């Protein structure tokens, strides 16, 4: 019985969305790592594909977190500006 193929998530869609909507500097490494997953899996480098997948997921979270922090800072600055205007 042949071994079942290992499916490694590449997180490419998430990486692109995080890059567009959250934080570009942290989204770019997510895209790079996500793009490496399929090639490594096709060559049989499952350990490398899993490592790239994990790195892509990590950078997606970092990009999302940075985007949320920047949004929170922006909202606080806007609220302080509105309160000081009156």
N, C-alpha and C. Protein backbone atom coordinates (compact mmCIF):
# COMPACT_ATOMS: atom_id res chain seq x y z
N UNK A 1 0.84 -1.18 0.00
CA UNK A 1 0.00 0.00 0.00
C UNK A 1 0.89 1.25 0.00
N UNK A 2 0.74 2.15 -0.99
CA UNK A 2 1.59 3.34 -1.05
C UNK A 2 1.21 4.33 0.07
N UNK A 3 2.20 5.07 0.53
CA UNK A 3 1.92 6.05 1.59
C UNK A 3 1.01 7.15 1.06
N UNK A 4 0.16 7.64 1.94
CA UNK A 4 -0.75 8.71 1.52
C UNK A 4 0.03 10.02 1.37
N UNK A 5 -0.33 10.80 0.37
CA UNK A 5 0.41 12.06 0.17
C UNK A 5 0.14 13.04 1.31
N UNK A 6 1.16 13.74 1.67
CA UNK A 6 1.07 14.72 2.75
C UNK A 6 0.62 16.05 2.15
N UNK A 7 -0.44 16.61 2.70
CA UNK A 7 -0.93 17.90 2.25
C UNK A 7 -0.40 18.97 3.19
N UNK A 8 0.39 19.88 2.64
CA UNK A 8 0.98 20.95 3.43
C UNK A 8 0.30 22.26 3.05
N UNK A 9 -0.34 22.95 4.00
CA UNK A 9 -1.00 24.22 3.66
C UNK A 9 0.05 25.28 3.32
N UNK A 10 -0.23 26.08 2.28
CA UNK A 10 0.78 27.07 1.90
C UNK A 10 0.46 28.48 2.38
N UNK A 11 -0.74 28.76 2.81
CA UNK A 11 -1.13 30.06 3.36
C UNK A 11 -0.89 31.22 2.39
N UNK A 12 -0.90 30.95 1.08
CA UNK A 12 -0.62 32.01 0.12
C UNK A 12 -1.73 33.05 0.07
N UNK A 13 -2.98 32.60 0.09
CA UNK A 13 -4.09 33.56 0.06
C UNK A 13 -4.07 34.45 1.30
N UNK A 14 -3.84 33.85 2.46
CA UNK A 14 -3.78 34.63 3.69
C UNK A 14 -2.61 35.61 3.66
N UNK A 15 -1.49 35.17 3.12
CA UNK A 15 -0.31 36.04 3.05
C UNK A 15 -0.58 37.24 2.15
N UNK A 16 -1.24 37.01 1.04
CA UNK A 16 -1.54 38.12 0.13
C UNK A 16 -2.51 39.09 0.78
N UNK A 17 -3.55 38.57 1.43
CA UNK A 17 -4.52 39.44 2.09
C UNK A 17 -3.89 40.23 3.23
N UNK A 18 -3.03 39.59 4.02
CA UNK A 18 -2.36 40.30 5.11
C UNK A 18 -1.43 41.38 4.56
N UNK A 19 -0.80 41.11 3.44
CA UNK A 19 0.08 42.10 2.83
C UNK A 19 -0.71 43.30 2.34
N UNK A 20 -1.84 43.06 1.71
CA UNK A 20 -2.64 44.15 1.17
C UNK A 20 -3.32 44.96 2.27
N UNK A 21 -3.92 44.28 3.24
CA UNK A 21 -4.77 44.97 4.20
C UNK A 21 -4.12 45.27 5.54
N UNK A 22 -3.02 44.63 5.86
CA UNK A 22 -2.46 44.81 7.21
C UNK A 22 -1.14 45.56 7.21
N UNK A 23 -0.07 44.88 6.85
CA UNK A 23 1.25 45.50 6.96
C UNK A 23 2.17 44.92 5.89
N UNK A 24 2.50 45.74 4.91
CA UNK A 24 3.29 45.29 3.77
C UNK A 24 4.67 44.74 4.17
N UNK A 25 5.44 45.44 5.02
CA UNK A 25 6.79 44.93 5.33
C UNK A 25 6.78 43.53 5.95
N UNK A 26 5.75 43.20 6.72
CA UNK A 26 5.70 41.87 7.32
C UNK A 26 4.94 40.88 6.45
N UNK A 27 4.17 41.36 5.50
CA UNK A 27 3.44 40.47 4.61
C UNK A 27 4.31 39.90 3.51
N UNK A 28 5.33 40.63 3.11
CA UNK A 28 6.20 40.15 2.03
C UNK A 28 6.92 38.85 2.40
N UNK A 29 7.51 38.73 3.59
CA UNK A 29 8.10 37.43 3.94
C UNK A 29 7.06 36.31 3.98
N UNK A 30 5.84 36.63 4.37
CA UNK A 30 4.79 35.61 4.37
C UNK A 30 4.53 35.10 2.96
N UNK A 31 4.50 36.00 1.99
CA UNK A 31 4.30 35.59 0.61
C UNK A 31 5.48 34.75 0.11
N UNK A 32 6.68 35.17 0.45
CA UNK A 32 7.88 34.43 0.00
C UNK A 32 7.87 33.01 0.55
N UNK A 33 7.62 32.86 1.84
CA UNK A 33 7.59 31.52 2.43
C UNK A 33 6.43 30.70 1.88
N UNK A 34 5.27 31.34 1.70
CA UNK A 34 4.11 30.61 1.17
C UNK A 34 4.38 30.11 -0.25
N UNK A 35 5.10 30.88 -1.03
CA UNK A 35 5.40 30.48 -2.40
C UNK A 35 6.39 29.32 -2.45
N UNK A 36 7.16 29.12 -1.41
CA UNK A 36 8.14 28.04 -1.37
C UNK A 36 7.52 26.68 -1.05
N UNK A 37 6.35 26.68 -0.43
CA UNK A 37 5.78 25.44 0.08
C UNK A 37 5.51 24.42 -1.03
N UNK A 38 4.81 24.82 -2.06
CA UNK A 38 4.43 23.87 -3.12
C UNK A 38 5.64 23.29 -3.84
N UNK A 39 6.63 24.12 -4.10
CA UNK A 39 7.83 23.63 -4.78
C UNK A 39 8.58 22.61 -3.95
N UNK A 40 8.71 22.89 -2.67
CA UNK A 40 9.42 21.94 -1.80
C UNK A 40 8.64 20.64 -1.66
N UNK A 41 7.32 20.74 -1.54
CA UNK A 41 6.50 19.53 -1.43
C UNK A 41 6.57 18.71 -2.71
N UNK A 42 6.59 19.37 -3.86
CA UNK A 42 6.67 18.66 -5.13
C UNK A 42 8.01 17.93 -5.30
N UNK A 43 9.07 18.49 -4.74
CA UNK A 43 10.39 17.85 -4.81
C UNK A 43 10.54 16.74 -3.77
N UNK A 44 9.55 16.61 -2.88
CA UNK A 44 9.63 15.58 -1.85
C UNK A 44 10.25 16.05 -0.56
N UNK A 45 10.55 17.32 -0.47
CA UNK A 45 11.14 17.90 0.74
C UNK A 45 10.00 18.29 1.68
N UNK A 46 9.40 17.29 2.31
CA UNK A 46 8.24 17.54 3.17
C UNK A 46 8.64 18.35 4.40
N UNK A 47 9.80 18.05 4.97
CA UNK A 47 10.25 18.80 6.15
C UNK A 47 10.46 20.28 5.79
N UNK A 48 11.05 20.54 4.64
CA UNK A 48 11.24 21.92 4.20
C UNK A 48 9.92 22.61 3.91
N UNK A 49 8.98 21.86 3.31
CA UNK A 49 7.66 22.42 3.03
C UNK A 49 6.92 22.76 4.32
N UNK A 50 7.02 21.88 5.30
CA UNK A 50 6.38 22.16 6.59
C UNK A 50 7.01 23.36 7.28
N UNK A 51 8.33 23.49 7.18
CA UNK A 51 9.01 24.64 7.79
C UNK A 51 8.60 25.94 7.10
N UNK A 52 8.54 25.92 5.77
CA UNK A 52 8.12 27.11 5.04
C UNK A 52 6.67 27.45 5.34
N UNK A 53 5.83 26.43 5.48
CA UNK A 53 4.42 26.65 5.82
C UNK A 53 4.29 27.30 7.20
N UNK A 54 5.08 26.79 8.14
CA UNK A 54 5.05 27.35 9.50
C UNK A 54 5.54 28.80 9.49
N UNK A 55 6.60 29.09 8.74
CA UNK A 55 7.10 30.45 8.65
C UNK A 55 6.09 31.38 7.98
N UNK A 56 5.41 30.90 6.95
CA UNK A 56 4.39 31.72 6.28
C UNK A 56 3.26 32.05 7.24
N UNK A 57 2.83 31.06 8.00
CA UNK A 57 1.76 31.28 8.99
C UNK A 57 2.20 32.27 10.05
N UNK A 58 3.42 32.13 10.53
CA UNK A 58 3.94 33.05 11.54
C UNK A 58 3.98 34.48 11.02
N UNK A 59 4.48 34.68 9.80
CA UNK A 59 4.55 36.03 9.23
C UNK A 59 3.17 36.59 8.94
N UNK A 60 2.21 35.73 8.64
CA UNK A 60 0.82 36.21 8.47
C UNK A 60 0.31 36.78 9.80
N UNK A 61 0.57 36.06 10.88
CA UNK A 61 0.14 36.54 12.19
C UNK A 61 0.87 37.82 12.59
N UNK A 62 2.15 37.90 12.29
CA UNK A 62 2.91 39.12 12.61
C UNK A 62 2.36 40.30 11.81
N UNK A 63 2.07 40.09 10.54
CA UNK A 63 1.51 41.15 9.70
C UNK A 63 0.14 41.58 10.21
N UNK A 64 -0.69 40.61 10.56
CA UNK A 64 -2.01 40.93 11.10
C UNK A 64 -1.90 41.70 12.41
N UNK A 65 -1.03 41.26 13.29
CA UNK A 65 -0.84 41.95 14.57
C UNK A 65 -0.33 43.37 14.38
N UNK A 66 0.63 43.55 13.48
CA UNK A 66 1.16 44.88 13.23
C UNK A 66 0.09 45.79 12.64
N UNK A 67 -0.72 45.24 11.75
CA UNK A 67 -1.81 46.02 11.18
C UNK A 67 -2.82 46.44 12.22
N UNK A 68 -3.15 45.54 13.14
CA UNK A 68 -4.10 45.89 14.20
C UNK A 68 -3.52 46.93 15.15
N UNK A 69 -2.24 46.81 15.46
CA UNK A 69 -1.60 47.81 16.33
C UNK A 69 -1.59 49.17 15.65
N UNK A 70 -1.24 49.21 14.37
CA UNK A 70 -1.24 50.48 13.64
C UNK A 70 -2.64 51.08 13.57
N UNK A 71 -3.64 50.25 13.38
CA UNK A 71 -5.02 50.73 13.35
C UNK A 71 -5.42 51.30 14.70
N UNK A 72 -5.04 50.63 15.78
CA UNK A 72 -5.36 51.12 17.13
C UNK A 72 -4.68 52.45 17.41
N UNK A 73 -3.42 52.57 17.02
CA UNK A 73 -2.70 53.84 17.22
C UNK A 73 -3.35 54.95 16.41
N UNK A 74 -3.71 54.65 15.17
CA UNK A 74 -4.37 55.64 14.32
C UNK A 74 -5.68 56.10 14.94
N UNK A 75 -6.48 55.16 15.42
CA UNK A 75 -7.76 55.53 16.03
C UNK A 75 -7.56 56.36 17.29
N UNK A 76 -6.55 56.02 18.09
CA UNK A 76 -6.29 56.81 19.30
C UNK A 76 -5.87 58.23 18.95
N UNK A 77 -5.03 58.37 17.93
CA UNK A 77 -4.60 59.71 17.51
C UNK A 77 -5.80 60.51 17.01
N UNK A 78 -6.67 59.87 16.26
CA UNK A 78 -7.85 60.57 15.74
C UNK A 78 -8.78 60.99 16.89
N UNK A 79 -8.97 60.13 17.86
CA UNK A 79 -9.84 60.45 19.00
C UNK A 79 -9.26 61.58 19.81
N UNK A 80 -7.96 61.54 20.07
CA UNK A 80 -7.30 62.62 20.82
C UNK A 80 -7.40 63.94 20.02
N UNK A 81 -7.24 63.87 18.72
CA UNK A 81 -7.36 65.07 17.90
C UNK A 81 -8.74 65.67 17.95
N UNK A 82 -9.76 64.83 17.90
CA UNK A 82 -11.14 65.31 17.96
C UNK A 82 -11.43 65.90 19.33
N UNK A 83 -10.95 65.26 20.39
CA UNK A 83 -11.21 65.76 21.74
C UNK A 83 -10.49 67.08 22.01
N UNK A 84 -9.31 67.26 21.45
CA UNK A 84 -8.55 68.51 21.67
C UNK A 84 -9.04 69.63 20.79
N UNK A 85 -9.80 69.33 19.76
CA UNK A 85 -10.28 70.36 18.85
C UNK A 85 -11.34 71.25 19.51
N UNK A 86 -12.16 70.68 20.35
CA UNK A 86 -13.27 71.41 20.96
C UNK A 86 -12.86 72.06 22.20
